[in-house]
Structure formats: C-alpha cells, structure tokens
C-alpha cells in the first residue's frame, strides 16, 4: 500500500522497477496516468478561478478573517452568492448549517427539523476555517477552550464555525474587514 504523497511522485519507470505482476503494473500505471491528468486539470481550473475571483472586493475582505485563506474565501464567496438574499445573520447561519435545527415547545424539545437543509459546502468551509483559526489565532483559541470546557471538542469547533459564519455575514453585508474584538467580545 502506498500513501498519496508517494503515489503522486511515481513515474512509469518506478512502477516497472517494483516487480509487480504485469496486470497489476498496468493497472497502477493507468491509475497514475489518470491521477496525473486530473491533477493538471485541477491546477488549471484553480488558476483560472483565482484569476477571476481576486478581482472581487469581497474576496479580499473574506481573507482578512483568521483561518480563511484564498481557497476557503473563494468557496464561501461563491457558495454564498448575493448576500442581500439573507435578511438577517441567523438566516445565513442556518443556510450555512451552523445552527441546530430543532423544534421546541414550552422549553422542551419536540423534534428536529430538516438537518440536511442548507449548503453542505459552506458548513465544510466554516469548520475548516474554525480549525485553522483555532491553530493560528489566540482569540479564537480562547473562545474554543471556553466552549470545550463546558461541552466537547466537536460542539466547540462547531460553535467557533458559527462565530466565523456570523462574522463573514457582517463582512459581506457591511463591506468591512474582520474585527476580532467584534467577533470574540
């Protein structure tokens, strides 16, 4: 078994030197050709996307958020669409699947709503951003540690993702850069 990193560096000559049976060697070379071709196509698409998206002012604002780099900013910007379609920050957080979907009556849980409602790519992007912010931003780490002390790490990560989603909503709506005091105060 080969790791992805090692497999990506293989050449056809390397596969021949492995001494694999002929059919297995042919299959490995075929898979290697597919991976190489797809890698080149993905690189081309990412380059074109970056050329087009860098021109948008919202992109630069989103990259000011801790944990959000150029790829996550592009995903958040493109998956969100026009921010004007969300009337309030709660609507955006719900669309980004950063809040629970449940029905409560008289303080008691009566069921859950459609938990698959919303954008699965946005929730992934915000959880990824939360994990990066957790590593590289002191305020985000403090918020995460406070949450984790009361719950568990999954809930704390999702809470941090919710904070970042709310911050991104305000950034896109007001066209202002990220303010750490406003987000984690």
Protein backbone atom coordinates (compact mmCIF):
# COMPACT_ATOMS: atom_id res chain seq x y z
CA UNK A 1 0.00 0.00 0.00
CA UNK A 2 1.30 3.44 -0.96
CA UNK A 3 0.47 6.79 0.57
CA UNK A 4 -0.99 9.51 -1.64
CA UNK A 5 2.20 11.56 -1.37
CA UNK A 6 4.40 8.69 -2.58
CA UNK A 7 1.93 7.66 -5.30
CA UNK A 8 1.89 11.21 -6.67
CA UNK A 9 5.66 11.14 -7.20
CA UNK A 10 5.77 7.79 -9.01
CA UNK A 11 6.70 7.53 -12.65
CA UNK A 12 6.09 4.69 -15.11
CA UNK A 13 9.72 3.60 -14.66
CA UNK A 14 9.24 3.42 -10.88
CA UNK A 15 6.22 1.15 -11.37
CA UNK A 16 8.23 -1.12 -13.69
CA UNK A 17 11.00 -1.44 -11.06
CA UNK A 18 8.51 -2.55 -8.39
CA UNK A 19 8.38 -6.04 -9.87
CA UNK A 20 4.60 -6.24 -9.84
CA UNK A 21 2.71 -8.80 -11.93
CA UNK A 22 2.06 -7.48 -15.44
CA UNK A 23 -1.67 -6.87 -14.94
CA UNK A 24 -1.18 -5.11 -11.61
CA UNK A 25 1.64 -2.98 -13.03
CA UNK A 26 -0.56 -1.96 -15.96
CA UNK A 27 -3.40 -1.05 -13.58
CA UNK A 28 -1.05 1.03 -11.41
CA UNK A 29 0.35 2.84 -14.46
CA UNK A 30 -3.18 3.50 -15.69
CA UNK A 31 -4.22 4.92 -12.32
CA UNK A 32 -1.06 7.00 -12.21
CA UNK A 33 -1.86 8.48 -15.64
CA UNK A 34 -5.40 9.34 -14.51
CA UNK A 35 -4.17 10.98 -11.29
CA UNK A 36 -1.55 13.00 -13.16
CA UNK A 37 -4.05 14.18 -15.78
CA UNK A 38 -6.68 15.09 -13.19
CA UNK A 39 -4.07 16.92 -11.11
CA UNK A 40 -3.08 19.03 -14.10
CA UNK A 41 -6.72 19.83 -14.89
CA UNK A 42 -7.50 20.75 -11.28
CA UNK A 43 -4.46 23.04 -11.20
CA UNK A 44 -5.65 24.74 -14.40
CA UNK A 45 -9.16 25.25 -13.01
CA UNK A 46 -7.87 26.61 -9.70
CA UNK A 47 -5.59 29.05 -11.51
CA UNK A 48 -8.48 30.34 -13.66
CA UNK A 49 -10.77 30.62 -10.62
CA UNK A 50 -8.16 32.62 -8.70
CA UNK A 51 -7.69 34.97 -11.64
CA UNK A 52 -11.41 35.68 -11.78
CA UNK A 53 -12.19 35.87 -8.08
CA UNK A 54 -9.27 38.05 -6.94
CA UNK A 55 -10.88 40.98 -8.74
CA UNK A 56 -13.87 40.98 -6.37
CA UNK A 57 -13.52 43.26 -3.31
CA UNK A 58 -15.45 40.82 -1.09
CA UNK A 59 -12.73 38.24 -1.64
CA UNK A 60 -10.07 40.44 -0.05
CA UNK A 61 -12.38 41.14 2.89
CA UNK A 62 -13.00 37.42 3.50
CA UNK A 63 -9.29 36.65 3.51
CA UNK A 64 -8.95 39.05 6.46
CA UNK A 65 -10.80 36.52 8.66
CA UNK A 66 -8.45 34.28 10.67
CA UNK A 67 -8.50 30.74 9.31
CA UNK A 68 -9.83 31.74 5.89
CA UNK A 69 -7.26 31.62 3.11
CA UNK A 70 -7.67 32.03 -0.61
CA UNK A 71 -9.38 28.68 -1.29
CA UNK A 72 -11.85 28.90 1.61
CA UNK A 73 -12.60 32.54 0.77
CA UNK A 74 -13.41 31.55 -2.81
CA UNK A 75 -15.67 28.71 -1.65
CA UNK A 76 -17.50 30.90 0.87
CA UNK A 77 -17.93 33.74 -1.60
CA UNK A 78 -19.17 31.57 -4.46
CA UNK A 79 -21.41 29.30 -2.37
CA UNK A 80 -23.00 32.24 -0.53
CA UNK A 81 -24.00 34.10 -3.67
CA UNK A 82 -25.52 37.57 -3.24
CA UNK A 83 -25.56 38.33 0.49
CA UNK A 84 -28.67 40.51 0.06
CA UNK A 85 -30.81 37.36 -0.18
CA UNK A 86 -30.29 36.79 3.56
CA UNK A 87 -32.38 39.16 5.65
CA UNK A 88 -30.56 38.52 8.92
CA UNK A 89 -27.43 36.87 10.23
CA UNK A 90 -29.48 33.98 11.61
CA UNK A 91 -30.79 33.16 8.15
CA UNK A 92 -27.24 32.99 6.84
CA UNK A 93 -26.03 30.86 9.76
CA UNK A 94 -28.93 28.49 9.20
CA UNK A 95 -28.19 28.26 5.46
CA UNK A 96 -24.56 27.52 6.31
CA UNK A 97 -25.72 24.69 8.64
CA UNK A 98 -24.01 26.30 11.62
CA UNK A 99 -27.05 26.14 13.94
CA UNK A 100 -29.16 23.25 15.16
CA UNK A 101 -32.48 22.50 13.57
CA UNK A 102 -34.96 21.60 16.29
CA UNK A 103 -38.49 22.32 17.40
CA UNK A 104 -39.02 23.49 20.97
CA UNK A 105 -42.30 23.99 22.77
CA UNK A 106 -42.51 25.23 26.35
CA UNK A 107 -38.76 24.75 26.74
CA UNK A 108 -38.94 21.08 25.74
CA UNK A 109 -37.56 19.54 22.59
CA UNK A 110 -40.37 18.26 20.40
CA UNK A 111 -38.40 17.14 17.36
CA UNK A 112 -35.89 18.13 14.79
CA UNK A 113 -36.29 19.93 11.52
CA UNK A 114 -34.60 19.12 8.26
CA UNK A 115 -30.98 18.86 9.38
CA UNK A 116 -29.79 18.44 5.77
CA UNK A 117 -31.30 21.79 4.78
CA UNK A 118 -28.70 24.34 3.76
CA UNK A 119 -25.38 24.30 1.99
CA UNK A 120 -23.04 21.42 2.83
CA UNK A 121 -20.06 23.15 1.22
CA UNK A 122 -20.45 26.23 3.41
CA UNK A 123 -20.54 24.19 6.61
CA UNK A 124 -17.42 22.33 5.49
CA UNK A 125 -15.66 25.61 4.70
CA UNK A 126 -16.56 27.19 8.04
CA UNK A 127 -15.48 24.11 10.03
CA UNK A 128 -12.18 24.10 8.12
CA UNK A 129 -11.78 27.81 8.84
CA UNK A 130 -12.53 27.16 12.51
CA UNK A 131 -9.82 24.51 12.67
CA UNK A 132 -7.27 26.86 11.08
CA UNK A 133 -8.34 29.82 13.23
CA UNK A 134 -8.02 27.63 16.29
CA UNK A 135 -4.38 26.95 15.44
CA UNK A 136 -3.31 30.44 14.41
CA UNK A 137 -5.49 32.96 16.29
CA UNK A 138 -5.25 33.49 20.06
CA UNK A 139 -8.78 34.91 20.49
CA UNK A 140 -10.32 32.02 18.55
CA UNK A 141 -8.33 29.56 20.67
CA UNK A 142 -9.56 31.21 23.90
CA UNK A 143 -13.18 31.05 22.70
CA UNK A 144 -12.74 27.39 21.70
CA UNK A 145 -11.16 26.46 25.05
CA UNK A 146 -14.01 28.14 27.00
CA UNK A 147 -16.59 26.22 24.94
CA UNK A 148 -14.66 22.97 25.17
CA UNK A 149 -14.52 23.23 28.96
CA UNK A 150 -18.34 23.20 29.08
CA UNK A 151 -19.06 20.75 26.24
CA UNK A 152 -16.84 18.66 23.95
CA UNK A 153 -14.44 19.47 21.13
CA UNK A 154 -16.94 18.82 18.30
CA UNK A 155 -19.50 21.22 19.75
CA UNK A 156 -16.77 23.78 20.47
CA UNK A 157 -15.47 23.57 16.89
CA UNK A 158 -19.00 23.99 15.52
CA UNK A 159 -19.55 26.99 17.81
CA UNK A 160 -16.36 28.58 16.50
CA UNK A 161 -17.51 27.87 12.92
CA UNK A 162 -20.81 29.59 13.78
CA UNK A 163 -18.91 32.65 15.05
CA UNK A 164 -16.91 32.79 11.82
CA UNK A 165 -20.07 32.40 9.72
CA UNK A 166 -21.67 35.31 11.54
CA UNK A 167 -18.52 37.38 11.05
CA UNK A 168 -18.46 36.59 7.32
CA UNK A 169 -22.11 37.62 7.01
CA UNK A 170 -21.35 41.03 8.53
CA UNK A 171 -18.19 41.40 6.45
CA UNK A 172 -20.08 40.74 3.22
CA UNK A 173 -23.12 42.80 4.21
CA UNK A 174 -21.27 45.87 5.54
CA UNK A 175 -18.18 45.54 3.29
CA UNK A 176 -15.82 46.00 6.25
CA UNK A 177 -12.71 43.96 7.16
CA UNK A 178 -12.70 41.46 10.02
CA UNK A 179 -12.70 42.92 13.53
CA UNK A 180 -11.52 40.42 16.13
CA UNK A 181 -12.97 42.45 19.03
CA UNK A 182 -16.42 42.47 17.46
CA UNK A 183 -16.31 38.73 16.75
CA UNK A 184 -14.98 37.39 20.03
CA UNK A 185 -16.09 40.05 22.52
